[in-house]
């Protein structure tokens, strides 16, 4: 299963008092995240939050970094705090949904993606990730439905094509699965090669 789970490289306004220091730590944290230094990113995000404890984007980004280190419960705490400040912050919702998926809390994950889709029904990532959770519950038809919505919203969504192949295969639609894995490969997802070799020859 594939999903692109990237940090939010956004900068919301900081208070005038701490703007310079907070902004510097925030930029440093994002850079460390992009370099794979998640522990360093968490440290810098924490410095931002020491000065701006309700900075929603920083809370969300720190949660994503914690997820990358498999610190799932702590990540959930950050997403919860972000959503307390702004219940409609869609990135906190989608990030929490993916962390719940990583914890195998598939039903909880689906609830978060339901809310995210309600807030923004045009975000392909939400449908793809809800499909992951439905697949985790062996709701193969529901997963296919979500992946299909994802590729209708974003026609070159390689991960969604890749993901859709598995439930199709499980439901006996080998031709459909192989077609999806081929599309995933065409759109640049090299991992699809292994599935094509193993199941489509």
C-alpha atoms as a PDB file:
ATOM      1  CA  UNK A   1       0.000   0.000   0.000  1.00  0.00           C
ATOM      2  CA  UNK A   2       1.287   3.408  -0.893  1.00  0.00           C
ATOM      3  CA  UNK A   3       0.688   6.900   0.313  1.00  0.00           C
ATOM      4  CA  UNK A   4       2.668  10.090   0.037  1.00  0.00           C
ATOM      5  CA  UNK A   5       2.774  11.545   3.520  1.00  0.00           C
ATOM      6  CA  UNK A   6       4.580  14.868   3.309  1.00  0.00           C
ATOM      7  CA  UNK A   7       5.062  17.648   5.838  1.00  0.00           C
ATOM      8  CA  UNK A   8       3.212  20.897   5.523  1.00  0.00           C
ATOM      9  CA  UNK A   9       5.682  23.501   4.428  1.00  0.00           C
ATOM     10  CA  UNK A  10       3.312  26.294   5.325  1.00  0.00           C
ATOM     11  CA  UNK A  11       3.954  29.199   7.620  1.00  0.00           C
ATOM     12  CA  UNK A  12       1.015  30.763   9.372  1.00  0.00           C
ATOM     13  CA  UNK A  13       1.511  34.096  11.071  1.00  0.00           C
ATOM     14  CA  UNK A  14       3.391  34.089  14.335  1.00  0.00           C
ATOM     15  CA  UNK A  15       2.936  36.740  16.997  1.00  0.00           C
ATOM     16  CA  UNK A  16       5.099  39.817  16.580  1.00  0.00           C
ATOM     17  CA  UNK A  17       6.926  39.145  19.829  1.00  0.00           C
ATOM     18  CA  UNK A  18       8.390  35.798  18.805  1.00  0.00           C
ATOM     19  CA  UNK A  19       8.084  35.985  15.030  1.00  0.00           C
ATOM     20  CA  UNK A  20      11.788  35.968  14.161  1.00  0.00           C
ATOM     21  CA  UNK A  21      12.821  33.078  16.399  1.00  0.00           C
ATOM     22  CA  UNK A  22       9.726  30.986  15.747  1.00  0.00           C
ATOM     23  CA  UNK A  23       9.999  31.421  11.993  1.00  0.00           C
ATOM     24  CA  UNK A  24      13.644  30.389  12.031  1.00  0.00           C
ATOM     25  CA  UNK A  25      12.917  27.257  14.053  1.00  0.00           C
ATOM     26  CA  UNK A  26       9.960  26.439  11.803  1.00  0.00           C
ATOM     27  CA  UNK A  27      12.037  26.730   8.630  1.00  0.00           C
ATOM     28  CA  UNK A  28      14.834  24.700  10.208  1.00  0.00           C
ATOM     29  CA  UNK A  29      12.380  22.004  11.278  1.00  0.00           C
ATOM     30  CA  UNK A  30      10.906  21.698   7.774  1.00  0.00           C
ATOM     31  CA  UNK A  31      14.384  21.429   6.290  1.00  0.00           C
ATOM     32  CA  UNK A  32      15.357  18.697   8.748  1.00  0.00           C
ATOM     33  CA  UNK A  33      12.121  16.849   8.005  1.00  0.00           C
ATOM     34  CA  UNK A  34      12.788  16.941   4.256  1.00  0.00           C
ATOM     35  CA  UNK A  35      16.261  15.523   4.934  1.00  0.00           C
ATOM     36  CA  UNK A  36      14.841  12.667   6.987  1.00  0.00           C
ATOM     37  CA  UNK A  37      16.047  14.019  10.340  1.00  0.00           C
ATOM     38  CA  UNK A  38      12.717  13.555  12.062  1.00  0.00           C
ATOM     39  CA  UNK A  39      14.112  13.735  15.599  1.00  0.00           C
ATOM     40  CA  UNK A  40      15.802  17.036  14.773  1.00  0.00           C
ATOM     41  CA  UNK A  41      12.602  18.318  13.191  1.00  0.00           C
ATOM     42  CA  UNK A  42      10.607  17.425  16.305  1.00  0.00           C
ATOM     43  CA  UNK A  43      13.101  19.300  18.475  1.00  0.00           C
ATOM     44  CA  UNK A  44      12.777  22.450  16.355  1.00  0.00           C
ATOM     45  CA  UNK A  45       8.984  22.209  16.073  1.00  0.00           C
ATOM     46  CA  UNK A  46       8.918  21.918  19.879  1.00  0.00           C
ATOM     47  CA  UNK A  47      10.857  25.179  20.139  1.00  0.00           C
ATOM     48  CA  UNK A  48       8.248  26.879  17.963  1.00  0.00           C
ATOM     49  CA  UNK A  49       5.475  25.480  20.156  1.00  0.00           C
ATOM     50  CA  UNK A  50       7.221  26.621  23.332  1.00  0.00           C
ATOM     51  CA  UNK A  51       6.675  30.164  22.069  1.00  0.00           C
ATOM     52  CA  UNK A  52       3.465  29.595  20.084  1.00  0.00           C
ATOM     53  CA  UNK A  53       1.705  26.619  21.773  1.00  0.00           C
ATOM     54  CA  UNK A  54      -1.391  26.841  19.571  1.00  0.00           C
ATOM     55  CA  UNK A  55       0.343  27.103  16.200  1.00  0.00           C
ATOM     56  CA  UNK A  56      -1.783  24.599  14.290  1.00  0.00           C
ATOM     57  CA  UNK A  57       0.563  23.913  11.371  1.00  0.00           C
ATOM     58  CA  UNK A  58       3.509  23.298  13.695  1.00  0.00           C
ATOM     59  CA  UNK A  59       1.462  20.931  15.845  1.00  0.00           C
ATOM     60  CA  UNK A  60       0.438  19.041  12.715  1.00  0.00           C
ATOM     61  CA  UNK A  61       3.951  18.923  11.286  1.00  0.00           C
ATOM     62  CA  UNK A  62       5.395  17.700  14.582  1.00  0.00           C
ATOM     63  CA  UNK A  63       2.750  14.987  14.632  1.00  0.00           C
ATOM     64  CA  UNK A  64       3.753  13.896  11.132  1.00  0.00           C
ATOM     65  CA  UNK A  65       7.418  13.739  12.179  1.00  0.00           C
ATOM     66  CA  UNK A  66       6.478  11.642  15.215  1.00  0.00           C
ATOM     67  CA  UNK A  67       4.477   9.328  12.954  1.00  0.00           C
ATOM     68  CA  UNK A  68       7.570   8.805  10.830  1.00  0.00           C
ATOM     69  CA  UNK A  69       9.404   7.661  13.976  1.00  0.00           C
ATOM     70  CA  UNK A  70       6.462   5.386  14.846  1.00  0.00           C
ATOM     71  CA  UNK A  71       5.684   7.488  17.919  1.00  0.00           C
ATOM     72  CA  UNK A  72       2.033   7.062  17.080  1.00  0.00           C
ATOM     73  CA  UNK A  73       0.352   7.916  20.380  1.00  0.00           C
ATOM     74  CA  UNK A  74       2.373  11.093  20.765  1.00  0.00           C
ATOM     75  CA  UNK A  75       1.585  11.993  17.149  1.00  0.00           C
ATOM     76  CA  UNK A  76      -2.136  11.574  17.836  1.00  0.00           C
ATOM     77  CA  UNK A  77      -1.798  13.936  20.816  1.00  0.00           C
ATOM     78  CA  UNK A  78      -0.351  16.618  18.531  1.00  0.00           C
ATOM     79  CA  UNK A  79      -3.095  16.185  15.951  1.00  0.00           C
ATOM     80  CA  UNK A  80      -5.713  16.318  18.711  1.00  0.00           C
ATOM     81  CA  UNK A  81      -4.265  19.591  20.002  1.00  0.00           C
ATOM     82  CA  UNK A  82      -4.244  21.043  16.493  1.00  0.00           C
ATOM     83  CA  UNK A  83      -7.893  20.079  16.025  1.00  0.00           C
ATOM     84  CA  UNK A  84      -8.833  21.577  19.376  1.00  0.00           C
ATOM     85  CA  UNK A  85      -7.473  24.897  18.106  1.00  0.00           C
ATOM     86  CA  UNK A  86      -9.039  24.496  14.647  1.00  0.00           C
ATOM     87  CA  UNK A  87     -11.536  21.627  14.254  1.00  0.00           C
ATOM     88  CA  UNK A  88     -11.595  22.201  10.481  1.00  0.00           C
ATOM     89  CA  UNK A  89      -7.837  21.935   9.932  1.00  0.00           C
ATOM     90  CA  UNK A  90      -7.966  19.311   7.218  1.00  0.00           C
ATOM     91  CA  UNK A  91      -4.274  18.399   7.264  1.00  0.00           C
ATOM     92  CA  UNK A  92      -4.471  17.541  10.971  1.00  0.00           C
ATOM     93  CA  UNK A  93      -7.502  15.352  10.241  1.00  0.00           C
ATOM     94  CA  UNK A  94      -5.908  13.531   7.312  1.00  0.00           C
ATOM     95  CA  UNK A  95      -2.623  13.119   9.172  1.00  0.00           C
ATOM     96  CA  UNK A  96      -4.389  11.735  12.243  1.00  0.00           C
ATOM     97  CA  UNK A  97      -6.321   9.391   9.979  1.00  0.00           C
ATOM     98  CA  UNK A  98      -3.110   7.982   8.548  1.00  0.00           C
ATOM     99  CA  UNK A  99      -1.521   7.583  11.970  1.00  0.00           C
ATOM    100  CA  UNK A 100      -4.620   5.692  13.132  1.00  0.00           C
ATOM    101  CA  UNK A 101      -4.238   3.516  10.033  1.00  0.00           C
ATOM    102  CA  UNK A 102      -0.604   2.870  10.977  1.00  0.00           C
ATOM    103  CA  UNK A 103      -1.855   1.817  14.442  1.00  0.00           C
ATOM    104  CA  UNK A 104      -4.333  -0.542  12.715  1.00  0.00           C
ATOM    105  CA  UNK A 105      -7.232   1.507  14.086  1.00  0.00           C
ATOM    106  CA  UNK A 106      -8.953   1.254  10.725  1.00  0.00           C
ATOM    107  CA  UNK A 107     -12.399   2.323  11.937  1.00  0.00           C
ATOM    108  CA  UNK A 108     -10.975   5.393  13.656  1.00  0.00           C
ATOM    109  CA  UNK A 109      -9.034   6.209  10.506  1.00  0.00           C
ATOM    110  CA  UNK A 110     -12.189   6.019   8.392  1.00  0.00           C
ATOM    111  CA  UNK A 111     -14.002   8.410  10.747  1.00  0.00           C
ATOM    112  CA  UNK A 112     -11.230  10.999  10.314  1.00  0.00           C
ATOM    113  CA  UNK A 113     -11.307  10.669   6.531  1.00  0.00           C
ATOM    114  CA  UNK A 114     -15.105  10.914   6.538  1.00  0.00           C
ATOM    115  CA  UNK A 115     -14.748  14.292   8.274  1.00  0.00           C
ATOM    116  CA  UNK A 116     -11.941  15.389   5.943  1.00  0.00           C
ATOM    117  CA  UNK A 117     -14.016  14.476   2.863  1.00  0.00           C
ATOM    118  CA  UNK A 118     -16.977  16.359   4.284  1.00  0.00           C
ATOM    119  CA  UNK A 119     -14.764  19.451   4.630  1.00  0.00           C
ATOM    120  CA  UNK A 120     -13.153  19.053   1.201  1.00  0.00           C
ATOM    121  CA  UNK A 121     -14.686  16.461  -1.151  1.00  0.00           C
ATOM    122  CA  UNK A 122     -12.122  17.242  -3.851  1.00  0.00           C
ATOM    123  CA  UNK A 123      -9.012  16.098  -1.966  1.00  0.00           C
ATOM    124  CA  UNK A 124      -7.902  12.896  -3.684  1.00  0.00           C
ATOM    125  CA  UNK A 125      -5.545  11.925  -0.858  1.00  0.00           C
ATOM    126  CA  UNK A 126      -8.451  11.577   1.573  1.00  0.00           C
ATOM    127  CA  UNK A 127     -10.216   9.059  -0.659  1.00  0.00           C
ATOM    128  CA  UNK A 128      -6.988   7.125  -1.260  1.00  0.00           C
ATOM    129  CA  UNK A 129      -6.230   6.924   2.445  1.00  0.00           C
ATOM    130  CA  UNK A 130      -9.789   5.992   3.409  1.00  0.00           C
ATOM    131  CA  UNK A 131      -9.438   3.237   0.827  1.00  0.00           C
ATOM    132  CA  UNK A 132      -6.363   1.983   2.695  1.00  0.00           C
ATOM    133  CA  UNK A 133      -8.378   1.767   5.919  1.00  0.00           C
ATOM    134  CA  UNK A 134     -11.306   0.036   4.202  1.00  0.00           C
ATOM    135  CA  UNK A 135      -8.880  -2.453   2.691  1.00  0.00           C
ATOM    136  CA  UNK A 136      -7.524  -3.021   6.201  1.00  0.00           C
ATOM    137  CA  UNK A 137     -11.061  -4.030   7.228  1.00  0.00           C
ATOM    138  CA  UNK A 138     -11.278  -6.291   4.137  1.00  0.00           C
ATOM    139  CA  UNK A 139     -14.014  -4.078   2.724  1.00  0.00           C
ATOM    140  CA  UNK A 140     -12.631  -4.599  -0.772  1.00  0.00           C
ATOM    141  CA  UNK A 141     -15.596  -3.117  -2.629  1.00  0.00           C
ATOM    142  CA  UNK A 142     -15.517  -0.005  -0.424  1.00  0.00           C
ATOM    143  CA  UNK A 143     -11.774   0.328  -0.953  1.00  0.00           C
ATOM    144  CA  UNK A 144     -12.177   0.108  -4.743  1.00  0.00           C
ATOM    145  CA  UNK A 145     -14.891   2.758  -4.595  1.00  0.00           C
ATOM    146  CA  UNK A 146     -12.593   5.139  -2.705  1.00  0.00           C
ATOM    147  CA  UNK A 147      -9.561   4.539  -4.931  1.00  0.00           C
ATOM    148  CA  UNK A 148     -11.769   5.122  -7.968  1.00  0.00           C
ATOM    149  CA  UNK A 149     -12.895   8.471  -6.556  1.00  0.00           C
ATOM    150  CA  UNK A 150      -9.242   9.347  -5.938  1.00  0.00           C
ATOM    151  CA  UNK A 151      -8.213   8.700  -9.557  1.00  0.00           C
ATOM    152  CA  UNK A 152     -11.257  10.557 -10.880  1.00  0.00           C
ATOM    153  CA  UNK A 153     -10.082  13.594  -8.905  1.00  0.00           C
ATOM    154  CA  UNK A 154      -6.416  13.122  -9.835  1.00  0.00           C
ATOM    155  CA  UNK A 155      -5.970  11.131 -13.007  1.00  0.00           C
ATOM    156  CA  UNK A 156      -2.219  10.578 -12.636  1.00  0.00           C
ATOM    157  CA  UNK A 157      -2.502   9.355  -9.003  1.00  0.00           C
ATOM    158  CA  UNK A 158      -0.097   6.427  -9.244  1.00  0.00           C
ATOM    159  CA  UNK A 159      -0.518   5.319  -5.618  1.00  0.00           C
ATOM    160  CA  UNK A 160      -4.301   5.099  -5.940  1.00  0.00           C
ATOM    161  CA  UNK A 161      -4.035   2.934  -9.079  1.00  0.00           C
ATOM    162  CA  UNK A 162      -1.460   0.770  -7.307  1.00  0.00           C
ATOM    163  CA  UNK A 163      -3.643   0.427  -4.218  1.00  0.00           C
ATOM    164  CA  UNK A 164      -6.791  -0.338  -6.227  1.00  0.00           C
ATOM    165  CA  UNK A 165      -5.114  -3.338  -7.825  1.00  0.00           C
ATOM    166  CA  UNK A 166      -5.015  -5.351  -4.578  1.00  0.00           C
ATOM    167  CA  UNK A 167      -8.742  -5.381  -3.729  1.00  0.00           C
ATOM    168  CA  UNK A 168      -9.585  -6.035  -7.388  1.00  0.00           C
ATOM    169  CA  UNK A 169      -7.242  -9.030  -7.336  1.00  0.00           C
ATOM    170  CA  UNK A 170      -8.744 -10.244  -4.058  1.00  0.00           C
ATOM    171  CA  UNK A 171     -12.230 -10.088  -5.628  1.00  0.00           C
ATOM    172  CA  UNK A 172     -11.072 -12.183  -8.589  1.00  0.00           C
ATOM    173  CA  UNK A 173     -10.676  -9.332 -11.088  1.00  0.00           C
ATOM    174  CA  UNK A 174      -7.140 -10.194 -12.201  1.00  0.00           C
ATOM    175  CA  UNK A 175      -7.419  -8.248 -15.462  1.00  0.00           C
ATOM    176  CA  UNK A 176      -8.568  -5.128 -13.635  1.00  0.00           C
ATOM    177  CA  UNK A 177      -5.806  -5.477 -11.050  1.00  0.00           C
ATOM    178  CA  UNK A 178      -3.102  -5.871 -13.695  1.00  0.00           C
ATOM    179  CA  UNK A 179      -4.503  -2.899 -15.615  1.00  0.00           C
ATOM    180  CA  UNK A 180      -4.268  -0.748 -12.463  1.00  0.00           C
ATOM    181  CA  UNK A 181      -0.731  -1.860 -11.660  1.00  0.00           C
ATOM    182  CA  UNK A 182       0.235  -1.080 -15.258  1.00  0.00           C
ATOM    183  CA  UNK A 183      -1.235   2.431 -14.894  1.00  0.00           C
ATOM    184  CA  UNK A 184       0.646   2.883 -11.615  1.00  0.00           C
ATOM    185  CA  UNK A 185       3.876   1.964 -13.395  1.00  0.00           C
ATOM    186  CA  UNK A 186       3.114   4.309 -16.309  1.00  0.00           C
ATOM    187  CA  UNK A 187       2.594   7.137 -13.799  1.00  0.00           C
ATOM    188  CA  UNK A 188       5.990   6.487 -12.250  1.00  0.00           C
ATOM    189  CA  UNK A 189       5.478   4.009  -9.402  1.00  0.00           C
ATOM    190  CA  UNK A 190       8.254   1.455  -9.816  1.00  0.00           C
ATOM    191  CA  UNK A 191       6.941  -0.770  -7.004  1.00  0.00           C
ATOM    192  CA  UNK A 192       4.158  -1.849  -9.354  1.00  0.00           C
ATOM    193  CA  UNK A 193       6.730  -3.875 -11.321  1.00  0.00           C
ATOM    194  CA  UNK A 194       6.895  -6.545  -8.620  1.00  0.00           C
ATOM    195  CA  UNK A 195       3.128  -7.054  -8.679  1.00  0.00           C
ATOM    196  CA  UNK A 196       3.096  -7.195 -12.462  1.00  0.00           C
ATOM    197  CA  UNK A 197       5.824  -9.833 -12.452  1.00  0.00           C
ATOM    198  CA  UNK A 198       4.284 -11.894  -9.648  1.00  0.00           C
ATOM    199  CA  UNK A 199       0.607 -11.820 -10.577  1.00  0.00           C
ATOM    200  CA  UNK A 200       0.197 -10.714 -14.194  1.00  0.00           C
ATOM    201  CA  UNK A 201       2.407 -12.997 -16.280  1.00  0.00           C
END
